[in-house]
Amino acid sequence: MNFPNPFYRWRPHPWHGLDIGEDSPSVVSAFIEVTSFDAIKYEVDKLTGYMRVDRPQRSSSMPPSLYGFIPRTYCGDRIGKLSSKTDVGDGDPLDICVLSERPIDRAEVILSARVIGGLHMIDQGEADDKIISVLENDQYYKNVQEIDDLPDVLIERLRHYFGTYKLIPGQESDVYVDRVYGREEAFRVIEASVEDYKDMFGE
């Protein structure tokens, strides 16, 4: 039997073993951790690569899109320098939201996402950007190339969700969405996170 090249005899770590994609930063690979149907926040365990239960969602709103991260990215010093509110990244892979017209109800999937913009979010004083994208081969979104091509209501749902998803009743929130940005800035954020990854982990 001939194996494809490259061939992974063992499952690669989702953060370090998967590729960002040949057409990055315009089209990137995304590893999905949470779907729009999840009332639990799941995330990849950084040591093992297995999915870990982080916490139940704290608010009653459900995620408005698929949510995960871009492999081989890291939010470090370069990401921090892109912000006017802080000078540090959150130390995690770069988050990505992926819009799909057809419901995708399972996580731990890999997909190709066309980048159209992002949210600059500050979480406890750290830059925690959320790249916004659409499923690359989704014909419903075939003409969406820029964040302004989306209906305002979709952007507002994303802003509201990330501005409130860590709220704890009776406590002031130190998480907020500073602004929405377009595709070109999203490209710069992705490229900075790739360089941050190389600094932290090597090629």
Foldseek 3Di string as FASTA:
>chain_A
DDDDPPDDPDDDQQAAGDAQDPPPPQKGKWAFQDFQPAQWRWAQDPPPSDIDTDGGFPDPHGDLFTKTAGHLFFWAQLVLVVDPQARGAPGDGAMEGEHAPDGDHDGRDMAMWGFWWWWFKAAPRHTRIYTYTYGPPHPVCVPRRHPVVDPPVSVVSNQVCQQPRPDDPPDDGPMHTPDITTRVVSRVSRVSRNVVSCVVPND
